[in-house]
C-alpha atoms as a PDB file:
ATOM      1  CA  MET A   1      26.071   1.641 -71.772  1.00  0.00           C
ATOM      2  CA  ASP A   2      26.711   4.514 -69.396  1.00  0.00           C
ATOM      3  CA  TYR A   3      24.442   6.062 -66.785  1.00  0.00           C
ATOM      4  CA  PHE A   4      22.986   8.769 -69.048  1.00  0.00           C
ATOM      5  CA  GLU A   5      22.249   6.306 -71.849  1.00  0.00           C
ATOM      6  CA  MET A   6      20.465   4.100 -69.357  1.00  0.00           C
ATOM      7  CA  MET A   7      18.421   7.044 -68.028  1.00  0.00           C
ATOM      8  CA  ALA A   8      17.449   7.998 -71.593  1.00  0.00           C
ATOM      9  CA  TRP A   9      16.461   4.380 -72.276  1.00  0.00           C
ATOM     10  CA  MET A  10      14.379   4.253 -69.104  1.00  0.00           C
ATOM     11  CA  GLY A  11      12.761   7.568 -70.041  1.00  0.00           C
ATOM     12  CA  SER A  12      11.724   6.152 -73.426  1.00  0.00           C
ATOM     13  CA  LEU A  13       9.883   3.214 -71.853  1.00  0.00           C
ATOM     14  CA  PRO A  14       6.097   3.533 -71.619  1.00  0.00           C
ATOM     15  CA  LEU A  15       4.773   4.130 -68.114  1.00  0.00           C
ATOM     16  CA  TRP A  16       2.618   0.993 -68.097  1.00  0.00           C
ATOM     17  CA  TRP A  17       5.817  -1.012 -68.580  1.00  0.00           C
ATOM     18  CA  ILE A  18       7.858   0.806 -65.913  1.00  0.00           C
ATOM     19  CA  VAL A  19       5.311   0.636 -63.078  1.00  0.00           C
ATOM     20  CA  PRO A  20       4.993  -3.198 -62.958  1.00  0.00           C
ATOM     21  CA  LEU A  21       8.776  -3.442 -63.272  1.00  0.00           C
ATOM     22  CA  TYR A  22       9.286  -1.200 -60.236  1.00  0.00           C
ATOM     23  CA  LEU A  23       6.649  -3.151 -58.304  1.00  0.00           C
ATOM     24  CA  VAL A  24       8.396  -6.442 -59.055  1.00  0.00           C
ATOM     25  CA  VAL A  25      11.794  -5.024 -58.072  1.00  0.00           C
ATOM     26  CA  ALA A  26      10.372  -3.549 -54.861  1.00  0.00           C
ATOM     27  CA  PHE A  27       8.718  -6.883 -54.031  1.00  0.00           C
ATOM     28  CA  LEU A  28      11.972  -8.763 -54.622  1.00  0.00           C
ATOM     29  CA  PHE A  29      13.912  -6.356 -52.403  1.00  0.00           C
ATOM     30  CA  ALA A  30      11.289  -6.667 -49.659  1.00  0.00           C
ATOM     31  CA  TRP A  31      11.346 -10.484 -49.916  1.00  0.00           C
ATOM     32  CA  VAL A  32      15.154 -10.660 -49.799  1.00  0.00           C
ATOM     33  CA  PHE A  33      15.290  -8.181 -46.917  1.00  0.00           C
ATOM     34  CA  GLY A  34      12.651 -10.180 -45.032  1.00  0.00           C
ATOM     35  CA  SER A  35      14.553 -13.422 -45.602  1.00  0.00           C
ATOM     36  CA  VAL A  36      17.806 -11.885 -44.391  1.00  0.00           C
ATOM     37  CA  ALA A  37      16.087 -10.418 -41.314  1.00  0.00           C
ATOM     38  CA  LYS A  38      14.597 -13.820 -40.544  1.00  0.00           C
ATOM     39  CA  GLU A  39      18.025 -15.443 -40.834  1.00  0.00           C
ATOM     40  CA  MET A  40      19.513 -12.837 -38.495  1.00  0.00           C
ATOM     41  CA  ASP A  41      16.903 -13.668 -35.833  1.00  0.00           C
ATOM     42  CA  HIS A  42      18.045 -17.265 -35.545  1.00  0.00           C
END
């Protein structure tokens, strides 16, 4: 699956499905970043 196929697949997803997905991904990134920052402090 190449980049354009993936973009087309993402574009075909309903919005109510994409928004929670992005929120979960953003939360995970924030949590990982926070954990790494905390580790760096020590």
